Amino acid sequence: MNKGLDSKQQEWIKKLHEFQPKTEQYVYLKGEVVNKIITSVIGCVKTCPFCGAICINGKNHDDNYDHETPFHRPQGIKGYRFESHSNSSKINKLVTETCPQDVAGNGRFKNSDTNDEWVNYKDYRQVNDYYRSWKITPDLSLESSSYWKWFMATYSSELANYYNAKEPDIDITWKSLTKEKEIEKLRKIIKGEGDRYSLMDN
């Protein structure tokens, strides 16, 4: 009886050892497939140094052309705030401006990449190679998508707490946006019934 159990046990151990490399190979292949799908659908995953929006260009485009996106977010989502302003009530408030708006304006920024030294937004490409790799076209009229407006209006208190800042001045039109409407826009894009630029509409 024990001999029969030992024989079965040895057989199971052998099968387990055969199964393990196949499983490891499957997991590796699955990971490769997922990576290929992500890079073919998403493309480049580099993010804007100011707002965190993902580059819209294909994978490995770095040597051929710059990172860019038409979908810049309000910079307050990444913690940018007014540190100096002619209106003292704005100091330490999260900002709602987008990167193209700031690059078109006369504002300045500082962060760990600038060693906390002030840099004009217009000169952002002088900070380092990563900033230089981003093309942010100056445009005072380019607002963020309605989704990000809704997000910032809805979660302004949480964002302020998270970044130890004051809540931003939210435009009244941002407060009228609804979660349901923004989700419906996203669903249409996923189903192919709309394009991602429809997110720019209020």
Protein backbone atom coordinates (compact mmCIF):
# COMPACT_ATOMS: atom_id res chain seq x y z
CA MET A 1 0.00 0.00 0.00
CA ASN A 2 2.75 2.47 0.95
CA LYS A 3 4.64 1.52 -2.19
CA GLY A 4 1.58 2.41 -4.29
CA LEU A 5 1.23 5.78 -2.53
CA ASP A 6 4.93 6.53 -2.95
CA SER A 7 4.66 5.73 -6.64
CA LYS A 8 1.60 8.01 -7.04
CA GLN A 9 3.32 10.75 -5.06
CA GLN A 10 6.39 10.54 -7.28
CA GLU A 11 4.16 10.70 -10.37
CA TRP A 12 2.40 13.83 -9.06
CA ILE A 13 5.69 15.50 -8.20
CA LYS A 14 6.95 14.75 -11.72
CA LYS A 15 3.78 16.23 -13.27
CA LEU A 16 4.04 19.27 -11.01
CA HIS A 17 7.63 19.83 -12.17
CA GLU A 18 6.50 19.54 -15.81
CA PHE A 19 3.60 21.91 -15.18
CA GLN A 20 5.65 24.65 -13.49
CA PRO A 21 7.82 25.65 -16.51
CA LYS A 22 4.73 25.61 -18.74
CA THR A 23 2.93 27.89 -16.28
CA GLU A 24 5.93 30.23 -16.08
CA GLN A 25 6.08 30.30 -19.88
CA TYR A 26 2.33 31.05 -20.05
CA VAL A 27 2.62 33.86 -17.52
CA TYR A 28 5.57 35.30 -19.49
CA LEU A 29 3.66 35.05 -22.78
CA LYS A 30 0.54 36.54 -21.19
CA GLY A 31 2.61 39.47 -19.93
CA GLU A 32 4.13 39.97 -23.38
CA VAL A 33 0.69 39.89 -25.03
CA VAL A 34 -0.69 42.40 -22.52
CA ASN A 35 2.32 44.70 -23.10
CA LYS A 36 1.86 44.50 -26.87
CA ILE A 37 -1.84 45.29 -26.60
CA ILE A 38 -1.19 48.22 -24.28
CA THR A 39 1.52 49.70 -26.48
CA SER A 40 -0.50 49.19 -29.67
CA VAL A 41 -3.64 50.73 -28.18
CA ILE A 42 -2.09 53.38 -25.97
CA GLY A 43 1.26 53.93 -27.67
CA CYS A 44 3.64 56.20 -25.78
CA VAL A 45 3.02 56.34 -22.05
CA LYS A 46 5.25 59.31 -21.21
CA THR A 47 3.42 61.95 -19.19
CA CYS A 48 3.40 65.73 -19.34
CA PRO A 49 5.78 67.08 -16.69
CA PHE A 50 3.17 69.60 -15.53
CA CYS A 51 -0.25 67.92 -15.62
CA GLY A 52 0.48 64.21 -16.10
CA ALA A 53 -1.49 63.80 -19.36
CA ILE A 54 -0.26 60.89 -21.51
CA CYS A 55 1.47 61.50 -24.84
CA ILE A 56 -0.73 60.71 -27.85
CA ASN A 57 2.09 59.57 -30.14
CA GLY A 58 3.06 55.98 -30.91
CA LYS A 59 5.53 53.90 -28.96
CA ASN A 60 9.25 54.65 -29.48
CA HIS A 61 8.66 57.92 -31.31
CA ASP A 62 11.14 59.76 -29.06
CA ASP A 63 13.93 59.94 -31.64
CA ASN A 64 11.64 61.13 -34.43
CA TYR A 65 9.41 63.74 -32.83
CA ASP A 66 8.37 65.26 -29.52
CA HIS A 67 5.87 64.09 -26.94
CA GLU A 68 2.58 65.96 -27.16
CA THR A 69 -1.09 65.85 -26.23
CA PRO A 70 -4.16 67.99 -26.89
CA PHE A 71 -5.62 66.70 -23.59
CA HIS A 72 -3.76 68.71 -20.95
CA ARG A 73 -5.40 68.70 -17.53
CA PRO A 74 -5.76 71.47 -14.97
CA GLN A 75 -2.34 71.56 -13.31
CA GLY A 76 -3.88 71.63 -9.83
CA ILE A 77 -4.61 67.92 -10.29
CA LYS A 78 -0.84 67.39 -9.94
CA GLY A 79 -0.56 69.83 -7.03
CA TYR A 80 0.47 73.03 -8.81
CA ARG A 81 -0.63 76.09 -6.85
CA PHE A 82 -0.13 79.82 -6.75
CA GLU A 83 2.92 80.58 -4.60
CA SER A 84 3.02 84.26 -5.45
CA HIS A 85 0.31 86.40 -6.95
CA SER A 86 -0.70 90.04 -7.09
CA ASN A 87 -3.96 88.95 -5.43
CA SER A 88 -2.85 87.54 -2.05
CA SER A 89 -6.09 85.54 -1.64
CA LYS A 90 -4.93 83.27 -4.49
CA ILE A 91 -1.70 82.24 -2.73
CA ASN A 92 -1.56 78.47 -2.09
CA LYS A 93 -4.73 77.83 -4.13
CA LEU A 94 -4.55 74.98 -6.63
CA VAL A 95 -4.51 76.24 -10.21
CA THR A 96 -7.09 75.39 -12.87
CA GLU A 97 -5.06 76.52 -15.88
CA THR A 98 -3.77 74.06 -18.47
CA CYS A 99 -0.18 73.76 -19.68
CA PRO A 100 -0.83 75.47 -23.07
CA GLN A 101 -2.48 78.38 -21.24
CA ASP A 102 0.50 78.77 -18.90
CA VAL A 103 3.07 78.47 -21.71
CA ALA A 104 1.17 81.21 -23.58
CA GLY A 105 1.06 83.46 -20.52
CA ASN A 106 3.65 85.21 -18.40
CA GLY A 107 3.62 82.85 -15.43
CA ARG A 108 6.46 81.00 -13.77
CA PHE A 109 6.81 77.64 -12.06
CA LYS A 110 9.20 75.87 -9.75
CA ASN A 111 9.50 72.28 -8.59
CA SER A 112 12.14 69.68 -7.74
CA ASP A 113 13.17 69.50 -11.42
CA THR A 114 14.13 73.20 -11.29
CA ASN A 115 15.78 72.84 -7.86
CA ASP A 116 12.96 75.07 -6.59
CA GLU A 117 14.20 77.92 -8.79
CA TRP A 118 11.58 79.95 -10.70
CA VAL A 119 11.43 79.30 -14.46
CA ASN A 120 9.17 81.07 -16.95
CA TYR A 121 6.64 78.65 -18.43
CA LYS A 122 7.70 79.91 -21.87
CA ASP A 123 11.19 78.56 -21.12
CA TYR A 124 10.09 75.15 -19.80
CA ARG A 125 12.20 73.29 -22.40
CA GLN A 126 15.37 74.62 -20.77
CA VAL A 127 14.75 72.70 -17.53
CA ASN A 128 16.13 69.33 -18.69
CA ASP A 129 15.97 66.77 -21.51
CA TYR A 130 12.60 65.41 -20.42
CA TYR A 131 10.94 68.84 -20.49
CA ARG A 132 12.70 69.49 -23.81
CA SER A 133 11.12 66.30 -25.22
CA TRP A 134 7.63 67.78 -24.74
CA LYS A 135 5.99 70.08 -27.28
CA ILE A 136 3.42 72.24 -25.49
CA THR A 137 1.92 74.68 -27.99
CA PRO A 138 1.09 78.03 -26.36
CA ASP A 139 -2.67 78.60 -26.49
CA LEU A 140 -4.64 80.73 -24.04
CA SER A 141 -7.93 79.32 -25.36
CA LEU A 142 -7.10 75.61 -24.92
CA GLU A 143 -9.07 74.43 -21.91
CA SER A 144 -9.02 71.00 -20.34
CA SER A 145 -11.62 68.39 -21.23
CA SER A 146 -15.00 68.45 -19.55
CA TYR A 147 -14.08 65.23 -17.72
CA TRP A 148 -11.13 66.88 -15.95
CA LYS A 149 -13.20 69.99 -15.25
CA TRP A 150 -15.83 67.76 -13.61
CA PHE A 151 -13.12 65.85 -11.73
CA MET A 152 -11.50 68.99 -10.36
CA ALA A 153 -14.82 70.60 -9.45
CA THR A 154 -16.01 67.44 -7.70
CA TYR A 155 -12.80 66.59 -5.86
CA SER A 156 -11.36 70.06 -5.23
CA SER A 157 -11.57 69.61 -1.46
CA GLU A 158 -9.85 66.21 -1.55
CA LEU A 159 -7.15 67.52 -3.91
CA ALA A 160 -6.52 70.50 -1.63
CA ASN A 161 -6.23 68.22 1.41
CA TYR A 162 -3.96 65.80 -0.44
CA TYR A 163 -1.58 68.56 -1.58
CA ASN A 164 -1.91 70.61 1.62
CA ALA A 165 -3.19 73.54 -0.42
CA LYS A 166 -6.29 75.70 -0.67
CA GLU A 167 -9.19 74.75 -2.91
CA PRO A 168 -9.03 76.27 -6.39
CA ASP A 169 -11.38 78.92 -7.72
CA ILE A 170 -13.74 76.72 -9.74
CA ASP A 171 -15.68 78.24 -12.63
CA ILE A 172 -19.46 77.93 -12.17
CA THR A 173 -19.78 76.05 -15.49
CA TRP A 174 -17.44 73.33 -14.18
CA LYS A 175 -19.76 72.75 -11.23
CA SER A 176 -22.71 72.11 -13.57
CA LEU A 177 -20.97 69.10 -15.18
CA THR A 178 -22.23 65.70 -14.04
CA LYS A 179 -20.57 62.35 -13.49
CA GLU A 180 -23.28 60.60 -15.53
CA LYS A 181 -22.77 62.82 -18.57
CA GLU A 182 -18.98 62.39 -18.45
CA ILE A 183 -19.28 58.60 -18.09
CA GLU A 184 -21.68 58.51 -21.04
CA LYS A 185 -19.13 60.41 -23.17
CA LEU A 186 -16.43 57.90 -22.19
CA ARG A 187 -18.74 54.96 -23.01
CA LYS A 188 -19.42 56.36 -26.48
CA ILE A 189 -15.71 56.71 -27.15
CA ILE A 190 -15.05 53.13 -25.98
CA LYS A 191 -17.89 51.84 -28.21
CA GLY A 192 -16.53 53.83 -31.16
CA GLU A 193 -19.59 56.08 -31.29
CA GLY A 194 -17.65 59.24 -30.54
CA ASP A 195 -14.10 60.43 -30.69
CA ARG A 196 -11.88 61.40 -27.82
CA TYR A 197 -12.13 65.05 -28.85
CA SER A 198 -15.79 65.01 -27.77
CA LEU A 199 -14.44 65.06 -24.21
CA MET A 200 -13.39 68.64 -24.91
CA ASP A 201 -17.06 69.64 -25.21
CA ASN A 202 -18.92 70.86 -22.16
